[in-house]
Amino acid sequence: MSTEQVVCPHCLAVNRVPSERLKDDPKCGKCHKPLFVDHAIEANSAMLQKFMQKSSIPVVVDFWASWCGPCKMMAPIFNQAAGMLKGEAQLLKVNTETEQAISAQLGIRSIPTLIVFKNGQEVGRTAGAMNLQNLIQWIKQFTNQ
């Protein structure tokens, strides 16, 4: 039986979850809150680092800014995708205006930029807004690896 490491979006504890139980609404062993939420998680640099380094499931990060029209257009779509992909991936949002250092470190040059991390490694990147169908399709290619 294989297990996955999942970071709790509430207390940031790292949890081991049997792979076949990921879609059963697992709870955090520390804070007992759900490990998967039905919306994108607002993350700062420290949270992002924890998710990037400790998660074995895909972590999809939307780098955005409040003044960006396409970012605003894609925000509800990204939140909807987070709910649809519960148990397959965790979706985070990072504001490039408040988290400039991590944005520079990761080479964010345009927004919105989406990056997928798995087991501490970047496995996918794309720039530009997407509709829900294209977003889900793009993410799914990383959930089945």
N, C-alpha and C. Protein backbone atom coordinates (compact mmCIF):
# COMPACT_ATOMS: atom_id res chain seq x y z
N MET A 1 0.84 -1.17 0.00
CA MET A 1 0.00 0.00 0.00
C MET A 1 0.90 1.24 0.00
N SER A 2 0.70 2.10 -0.99
CA SER A 2 1.51 3.32 -1.06
C SER A 2 0.84 4.45 -0.30
N THR A 3 1.66 5.37 0.16
CA THR A 3 1.13 6.53 0.88
C THR A 3 1.63 7.80 0.20
N GLU A 4 0.90 8.86 0.43
CA GLU A 4 1.25 10.18 -0.08
C GLU A 4 1.43 11.12 1.10
N GLN A 5 2.34 12.08 0.93
CA GLN A 5 2.49 13.14 1.93
C GLN A 5 1.62 14.31 1.51
N VAL A 6 0.79 14.77 2.44
CA VAL A 6 -0.13 15.87 2.18
C VAL A 6 0.04 16.90 3.29
N VAL A 7 0.27 18.15 2.91
CA VAL A 7 0.41 19.24 3.87
C VAL A 7 -0.98 19.77 4.21
N CYS A 8 -1.24 19.92 5.49
CA CYS A 8 -2.53 20.46 5.95
C CYS A 8 -2.59 21.96 5.62
N PRO A 9 -3.65 22.41 4.95
CA PRO A 9 -3.76 23.83 4.63
C PRO A 9 -4.07 24.70 5.84
N HIS A 10 -4.43 24.08 6.96
CA HIS A 10 -4.81 24.82 8.16
C HIS A 10 -3.64 25.01 9.13
N CYS A 11 -2.93 23.90 9.45
CA CYS A 11 -1.86 23.97 10.45
C CYS A 11 -0.48 23.66 9.88
N LEU A 12 -0.42 23.31 8.60
CA LEU A 12 0.81 23.00 7.86
C LEU A 12 1.53 21.73 8.34
N ALA A 13 0.82 20.88 9.08
CA ALA A 13 1.40 19.59 9.46
C ALA A 13 1.47 18.69 8.22
N VAL A 14 2.50 17.87 8.16
CA VAL A 14 2.64 16.93 7.06
C VAL A 14 2.00 15.61 7.47
N ASN A 15 1.07 15.14 6.65
CA ASN A 15 0.31 13.93 6.94
C ASN A 15 0.62 12.86 5.90
N ARG A 16 0.70 11.61 6.34
CA ARG A 16 0.82 10.48 5.43
C ARG A 16 -0.58 9.90 5.24
N VAL A 17 -0.99 9.81 3.98
CA VAL A 17 -2.32 9.32 3.66
C VAL A 17 -2.19 8.18 2.65
N PRO A 18 -2.83 7.03 2.91
CA PRO A 18 -2.81 5.96 1.91
C PRO A 18 -3.37 6.48 0.58
N SER A 19 -2.70 6.17 -0.51
CA SER A 19 -3.08 6.70 -1.82
C SER A 19 -4.55 6.45 -2.15
N GLU A 20 -5.04 5.26 -1.79
CA GLU A 20 -6.42 4.94 -2.13
C GLU A 20 -7.43 5.67 -1.24
N ARG A 21 -6.98 6.38 -0.23
CA ARG A 21 -7.88 7.12 0.68
C ARG A 21 -7.88 8.63 0.42
N LEU A 22 -7.13 9.09 -0.56
CA LEU A 22 -7.02 10.53 -0.82
C LEU A 22 -8.38 11.18 -1.12
N LYS A 23 -9.27 10.45 -1.76
CA LYS A 23 -10.57 11.03 -2.13
C LYS A 23 -11.65 10.79 -1.07
N ASP A 24 -11.26 10.27 0.08
CA ASP A 24 -12.21 9.98 1.16
C ASP A 24 -12.27 11.10 2.20
N ASP A 25 -11.97 12.32 1.80
CA ASP A 25 -11.96 13.48 2.70
C ASP A 25 -11.11 13.24 3.95
N PRO A 26 -9.81 12.94 3.76
CA PRO A 26 -8.97 12.69 4.94
C PRO A 26 -8.82 13.94 5.79
N LYS A 27 -8.63 13.71 7.08
CA LYS A 27 -8.46 14.80 8.05
C LYS A 27 -7.01 14.83 8.53
N CYS A 28 -6.59 16.00 8.96
CA CYS A 28 -5.24 16.18 9.50
C CYS A 28 -5.12 15.46 10.84
N GLY A 29 -4.02 14.77 11.03
CA GLY A 29 -3.78 14.09 12.28
C GLY A 29 -3.51 15.04 13.44
N LYS A 30 -3.12 16.26 13.13
CA LYS A 30 -2.79 17.22 14.18
C LYS A 30 -4.00 18.10 14.56
N CYS A 31 -4.59 18.77 13.55
CA CYS A 31 -5.68 19.71 13.85
C CYS A 31 -7.07 19.13 13.55
N HIS A 32 -7.13 17.97 12.91
CA HIS A 32 -8.37 17.26 12.61
C HIS A 32 -9.27 17.98 11.61
N LYS A 33 -8.74 18.94 10.88
CA LYS A 33 -9.49 19.63 9.84
C LYS A 33 -9.23 18.94 8.51
N PRO A 34 -10.08 19.18 7.50
CA PRO A 34 -9.90 18.51 6.21
C PRO A 34 -8.56 18.87 5.55
N LEU A 35 -7.91 17.85 4.96
CA LEU A 35 -6.65 18.10 4.25
C LEU A 35 -6.89 18.74 2.88
N PHE A 36 -8.08 18.54 2.33
CA PHE A 36 -8.41 19.13 1.04
C PHE A 36 -9.61 20.04 1.19
N VAL A 37 -9.48 21.25 0.67
CA VAL A 37 -10.56 22.23 0.75
C VAL A 37 -11.08 22.48 -0.67
N ASP A 38 -12.28 23.04 -0.75
CA ASP A 38 -12.91 23.21 -2.06
C ASP A 38 -12.65 24.59 -2.68
N HIS A 39 -11.53 25.19 -2.31
CA HIS A 39 -11.14 26.47 -2.88
C HIS A 39 -9.61 26.55 -2.87
N ALA A 40 -9.07 27.48 -3.62
CA ALA A 40 -7.62 27.67 -3.64
C ALA A 40 -7.16 28.25 -2.31
N ILE A 41 -5.98 27.85 -1.89
CA ILE A 41 -5.42 28.27 -0.60
C ILE A 41 -4.52 29.48 -0.82
N GLU A 42 -4.81 30.59 -0.13
CA GLU A 42 -3.95 31.77 -0.20
C GLU A 42 -2.66 31.44 0.55
N ALA A 43 -1.53 31.56 -0.11
CA ALA A 43 -0.26 31.15 0.50
C ALA A 43 0.77 32.27 0.47
N ASN A 44 1.53 32.36 1.56
CA ASN A 44 2.68 33.24 1.58
C ASN A 44 3.92 32.40 1.24
N SER A 45 5.08 33.01 1.26
CA SER A 45 6.30 32.30 0.86
C SER A 45 6.59 31.09 1.75
N ALA A 46 6.43 31.25 3.07
CA ALA A 46 6.72 30.14 3.98
C ALA A 46 5.78 28.97 3.74
N MET A 47 4.49 29.26 3.55
CA MET A 47 3.54 28.19 3.25
C MET A 47 3.88 27.51 1.94
N LEU A 48 4.18 28.32 0.94
CA LEU A 48 4.51 27.76 -0.38
C LEU A 48 5.71 26.84 -0.28
N GLN A 49 6.74 27.25 0.43
CA GLN A 49 7.93 26.42 0.59
C GLN A 49 7.58 25.08 1.23
N LYS A 50 6.73 25.10 2.24
CA LYS A 50 6.34 23.86 2.93
C LYS A 50 5.60 22.93 1.98
N PHE A 51 4.63 23.49 1.24
CA PHE A 51 3.87 22.68 0.28
C PHE A 51 4.79 22.13 -0.81
N MET A 52 5.67 22.98 -1.34
CA MET A 52 6.58 22.55 -2.41
C MET A 52 7.49 21.42 -1.94
N GLN A 53 8.05 21.55 -0.77
CA GLN A 53 9.07 20.62 -0.29
C GLN A 53 8.50 19.34 0.29
N LYS A 54 7.31 19.39 0.87
CA LYS A 54 6.81 18.24 1.62
C LYS A 54 5.68 17.46 0.95
N SER A 55 5.05 18.01 -0.08
CA SER A 55 3.92 17.32 -0.71
C SER A 55 4.38 16.35 -1.78
N SER A 56 3.82 15.15 -1.73
CA SER A 56 4.10 14.19 -2.81
C SER A 56 3.00 14.20 -3.86
N ILE A 57 1.86 14.83 -3.54
CA ILE A 57 0.83 15.01 -4.56
C ILE A 57 1.11 16.34 -5.25
N PRO A 58 0.58 16.55 -6.47
CA PRO A 58 0.84 17.81 -7.16
C PRO A 58 0.30 19.03 -6.40
N VAL A 59 1.12 20.07 -6.36
CA VAL A 59 0.74 21.35 -5.79
C VAL A 59 0.76 22.35 -6.95
N VAL A 60 -0.41 22.89 -7.28
CA VAL A 60 -0.55 23.81 -8.41
C VAL A 60 -0.63 25.22 -7.83
N VAL A 61 0.27 26.08 -8.28
CA VAL A 61 0.33 27.44 -7.72
C VAL A 61 0.01 28.46 -8.81
N ASP A 62 -0.93 29.32 -8.50
CA ASP A 62 -1.31 30.44 -9.37
C ASP A 62 -0.62 31.69 -8.84
N PHE A 63 0.32 32.21 -9.60
CA PHE A 63 0.99 33.47 -9.24
C PHE A 63 0.19 34.58 -9.91
N TRP A 64 -0.31 35.53 -9.12
CA TRP A 64 -1.24 36.54 -9.59
C TRP A 64 -0.96 37.88 -8.93
N ALA A 65 -1.67 38.91 -9.38
CA ALA A 65 -1.61 40.25 -8.77
C ALA A 65 -2.99 40.88 -8.86
N SER A 66 -3.29 41.76 -7.93
CA SER A 66 -4.62 42.36 -7.85
C SER A 66 -4.94 43.28 -9.03
N TRP A 67 -3.93 43.84 -9.67
CA TRP A 67 -4.15 44.76 -10.78
C TRP A 67 -4.27 44.03 -12.13
N CYS A 68 -4.09 42.74 -12.14
CA CYS A 68 -4.05 41.94 -13.37
C CYS A 68 -5.46 41.50 -13.79
N GLY A 69 -5.93 42.00 -14.92
CA GLY A 69 -7.25 41.64 -15.43
C GLY A 69 -7.43 40.14 -15.67
N PRO A 70 -6.52 39.50 -16.42
CA PRO A 70 -6.65 38.05 -16.62
C PRO A 70 -6.62 37.26 -15.32
N CYS A 71 -5.86 37.75 -14.33
CA CYS A 71 -5.80 37.07 -13.02
C CYS A 71 -7.16 37.11 -12.35
N LYS A 72 -7.81 38.28 -12.40
CA LYS A 72 -9.13 38.43 -11.79
C LYS A 72 -10.15 37.54 -12.50
N MET A 73 -10.02 37.45 -13.82
CA MET A 73 -10.93 36.63 -14.61
C MET A 73 -10.76 35.15 -14.26
N MET A 74 -9.52 34.73 -14.01
CA MET A 74 -9.26 33.33 -13.77
C MET A 74 -9.47 32.91 -12.31
N ALA A 75 -9.51 33.84 -11.38
CA ALA A 75 -9.63 33.50 -9.95
C ALA A 75 -10.81 32.58 -9.63
N PRO A 76 -12.03 32.87 -10.09
CA PRO A 76 -13.14 31.96 -9.76
C PRO A 76 -12.99 30.59 -10.44
N ILE A 77 -12.38 30.57 -11.61
CA ILE A 77 -12.14 29.30 -12.31
C ILE A 77 -11.13 28.46 -11.54
N PHE A 78 -10.08 29.09 -11.03
CA PHE A 78 -9.06 28.38 -10.26
C PHE A 78 -9.67 27.82 -8.97
N ASN A 79 -10.52 28.61 -8.31
CA ASN A 79 -11.21 28.14 -7.10
C ASN A 79 -12.12 26.95 -7.41
N GLN A 80 -12.83 27.03 -8.52
CA GLN A 80 -13.71 25.93 -8.91
C GLN A 80 -12.90 24.66 -9.19
N ALA A 81 -11.77 24.82 -9.85
CA ALA A 81 -10.89 23.68 -10.14
C ALA A 81 -10.39 23.05 -8.84
N ALA A 82 -10.10 23.86 -7.84
CA ALA A 82 -9.63 23.33 -6.55
C ALA A 82 -10.67 22.39 -5.95
N GLY A 83 -11.93 22.75 -6.03
CA GLY A 83 -12.99 21.89 -5.52
C GLY A 83 -13.14 20.62 -6.34
N MET A 84 -12.96 20.71 -7.63
CA MET A 84 -13.11 19.55 -8.51
C MET A 84 -11.95 18.57 -8.39
N LEU A 85 -10.79 19.06 -7.96
CA LEU A 85 -9.59 18.22 -7.89
C LEU A 85 -9.22 17.80 -6.47
N LYS A 86 -10.17 17.91 -5.54
CA LYS A 86 -9.91 17.50 -4.15
C LYS A 86 -9.44 16.05 -4.13
N GLY A 87 -8.34 15.82 -3.45
CA GLY A 87 -7.79 14.48 -3.36
C GLY A 87 -6.80 14.13 -4.45
N GLU A 88 -6.73 14.98 -5.49
CA GLU A 88 -5.78 14.75 -6.58
C GLU A 88 -4.63 15.74 -6.57
N ALA A 89 -4.93 16.97 -6.15
CA ALA A 89 -3.94 18.05 -6.15
C ALA A 89 -4.38 19.10 -5.13
N GLN A 90 -3.43 19.92 -4.72
CA GLN A 90 -3.76 21.07 -3.87
C GLN A 90 -3.44 22.32 -4.68
N LEU A 91 -4.39 23.26 -4.71
CA LEU A 91 -4.23 24.48 -5.48
C LEU A 91 -4.00 25.66 -4.55
N LEU A 92 -2.91 26.39 -4.81
CA LEU A 92 -2.53 27.54 -4.00
C LEU A 92 -2.48 28.79 -4.86
N LYS A 93 -2.69 29.94 -4.22
CA LYS A 93 -2.56 31.24 -4.89
C LYS A 93 -1.50 32.05 -4.17
N VAL A 94 -0.57 32.64 -4.92
CA VAL A 94 0.48 33.48 -4.34
C VAL A 94 0.40 34.85 -5.01
N ASN A 95 0.24 35.88 -4.19
CA ASN A 95 0.17 37.26 -4.68
C ASN A 95 1.60 37.74 -4.95
N THR A 96 1.91 38.02 -6.20
CA THR A 96 3.26 38.43 -6.57
C THR A 96 3.63 39.82 -6.04
N GLU A 97 2.63 40.62 -5.68
CA GLU A 97 2.93 41.94 -5.13
C GLU A 97 3.44 41.84 -3.69
N THR A 98 2.87 40.94 -2.90
CA THR A 98 3.27 40.81 -1.50
C THR A 98 4.37 39.77 -1.31
N GLU A 99 4.53 38.89 -2.26
CA GLU A 99 5.55 37.82 -2.17
C GLU A 99 6.55 37.96 -3.32
N GLN A 100 7.18 39.11 -3.40
CA GLN A 100 8.07 39.42 -4.51
C GLN A 100 9.32 38.55 -4.53
N ALA A 101 9.86 38.21 -3.38
CA ALA A 101 11.11 37.44 -3.34
C ALA A 101 10.93 36.05 -3.93
N ILE A 102 9.88 35.34 -3.53
CA ILE A 102 9.67 33.99 -4.06
C ILE A 102 9.30 34.05 -5.54
N SER A 103 8.58 35.09 -5.93
CA SER A 103 8.23 35.26 -7.35
C SER A 103 9.49 35.45 -8.18
N ALA A 104 10.42 36.25 -7.69
CA ALA A 104 11.69 36.46 -8.40
C ALA A 104 12.52 35.19 -8.40
N GLN A 105 12.57 34.51 -7.27
CA GLN A 105 13.34 33.28 -7.15
C GLN A 105 12.87 32.22 -8.16
N LEU A 106 11.55 32.17 -8.37
CA LEU A 106 10.98 31.18 -9.30
C LEU A 106 10.91 31.69 -10.73
N GLY A 107 11.37 32.91 -10.97
CA GLY A 107 11.41 33.45 -12.33
C GLY A 107 10.05 33.76 -12.92
N ILE A 108 9.15 34.28 -12.11
CA ILE A 108 7.82 34.66 -12.60
C ILE A 108 7.99 35.96 -13.40
N ARG A 109 7.73 35.89 -14.68
CA ARG A 109 7.92 37.05 -15.56
C ARG A 109 6.61 37.63 -16.08
N SER A 110 5.56 36.81 -16.08
CA SER A 110 4.25 37.30 -16.50
C SER A 110 3.21 36.64 -15.60
N ILE A 111 2.06 37.27 -15.50
CA ILE A 111 1.01 36.71 -14.68
C ILE A 111 -0.30 36.72 -15.47
N PRO A 112 -1.18 35.80 -15.19
CA PRO A 112 -1.00 34.70 -14.26
C PRO A 112 -0.01 33.66 -14.80
N THR A 113 0.79 33.11 -13.91
CA THR A 113 1.66 31.98 -14.21
C THR A 113 1.26 30.85 -13.28
N LEU A 114 1.10 29.67 -13.84
CA LEU A 114 0.78 28.48 -13.06
C LEU A 114 2.00 27.57 -13.06
N ILE A 115 2.37 27.09 -11.88
CA ILE A 115 3.47 26.14 -11.75
C ILE A 115 2.98 24.94 -10.96
N VAL A 116 3.35 23.75 -11.40
CA VAL A 116 3.01 22.52 -10.68
C VAL A 116 4.30 21.99 -10.06
N PHE A 117 4.23 21.72 -8.75
CA PHE A 117 5.35 21.12 -8.01
C PHE A 117 4.92 19.75 -7.53
N LYS A 118 5.85 18.82 -7.57
CA LYS A 118 5.60 17.48 -7.04
C LYS A 118 6.90 16.95 -6.46
N ASN A 119 6.84 16.50 -5.22
CA ASN A 119 8.03 15.98 -4.53
C ASN A 119 9.18 16.98 -4.56
N GLY A 120 8.87 18.25 -4.37
CA GLY A 120 9.90 19.28 -4.30
C GLY A 120 10.44 19.77 -5.63
N GLN A 121 9.92 19.25 -6.73
CA GLN A 121 10.42 19.62 -8.05
C GLN A 121 9.32 20.30 -8.87
N GLU A 122 9.73 21.28 -9.67
CA GLU A 122 8.79 21.86 -10.63
C GLU A 122 8.63 20.86 -11.77
N VAL A 123 7.38 20.49 -12.05
CA VAL A 123 7.12 19.52 -13.12
C VAL A 123 6.31 20.12 -14.27
N GLY A 124 5.81 21.35 -14.09
CA GLY A 124 5.05 21.98 -15.17
C GLY A 124 4.90 23.47 -14.93
N ARG A 125 4.82 24.21 -16.03
CA ARG A 125 4.65 25.67 -15.93
C ARG A 125 3.94 26.15 -17.19
N THR A 126 3.04 27.10 -17.00
CA THR A 126 2.38 27.75 -18.13
C THR A 126 2.00 29.16 -17.70
N ALA A 127 1.86 30.04 -18.67
CA ALA A 127 1.47 31.42 -18.39
C ALA A 127 0.18 31.73 -19.15
N GLY A 128 -0.62 32.59 -18.56
CA GLY A 128 -1.86 33.01 -19.21
C GLY A 128 -3.08 32.38 -18.57
N ALA A 129 -4.21 33.07 -18.74
CA ALA A 129 -5.47 32.59 -18.18
C ALA A 129 -6.01 31.43 -19.01
N MET A 130 -6.76 30.56 -18.35
CA MET A 130 -7.37 29.41 -19.02
C MET A 130 -8.82 29.30 -18.60
N ASN A 131 -9.61 28.65 -19.45
CA ASN A 131 -10.97 28.33 -19.03
C ASN A 131 -10.92 27.07 -18.17
N LEU A 132 -12.02 26.72 -17.55
CA LEU A 132 -12.04 25.61 -16.60
C LEU A 132 -11.64 24.29 -17.25
N GLN A 133 -12.17 24.01 -18.42
CA GLN A 133 -11.88 22.74 -19.09
C GLN A 133 -10.38 22.61 -19.38
N ASN A 134 -9.77 23.65 -19.92
CA ASN A 134 -8.34 23.61 -20.24
C ASN A 134 -7.49 23.53 -18.97
N LEU A 135 -7.91 24.23 -17.91
CA LEU A 135 -7.17 24.21 -16.66
C LEU A 135 -7.18 22.80 -16.06
N ILE A 136 -8.35 22.19 -15.98
CA ILE A 136 -8.46 20.83 -15.43
C ILE A 136 -7.63 19.86 -16.27
N GLN A 137 -7.74 19.97 -17.58
CA GLN A 137 -6.98 19.08 -18.47
C GLN A 137 -5.47 19.27 -18.27
N TRP A 138 -5.02 20.51 -18.12
CA TRP A 138 -3.59 20.78 -17.93
C TRP A 138 -3.11 20.19 -16.60
N ILE A 139 -3.89 20.37 -15.53
CA ILE A 139 -3.50 19.86 -14.23
C ILE A 139 -3.51 18.34 -14.20
N LYS A 140 -4.52 17.73 -14.82
CA LYS A 140 -4.67 16.27 -14.79
C LYS A 140 -3.45 15.54 -15.36
N GLN A 141 -2.74 16.17 -16.27
CA GLN A 141 -1.56 15.49 -16.82
C GLN A 141 -0.48 15.28 -15.75
N PHE A 142 -0.55 16.03 -14.66
CA PHE A 142 0.44 15.89 -13.59
C PHE A 142 -0.07 15.03 -12.44
N THR A 143 -1.36 14.78 -12.39
CA THR A 143 -1.91 13.98 -11.30
C THR A 143 -1.80 12.48 -11.59
N ASN A 144 -1.54 12.14 -12.81
CA ASN A 144 -1.47 10.72 -13.18
C ASN A 144 -0.05 10.24 -13.40
N GLN A 145 0.92 10.94 -12.85
CA GLN A 145 2.32 10.53 -13.06
C GLN A 145 2.79 9.62 -11.96
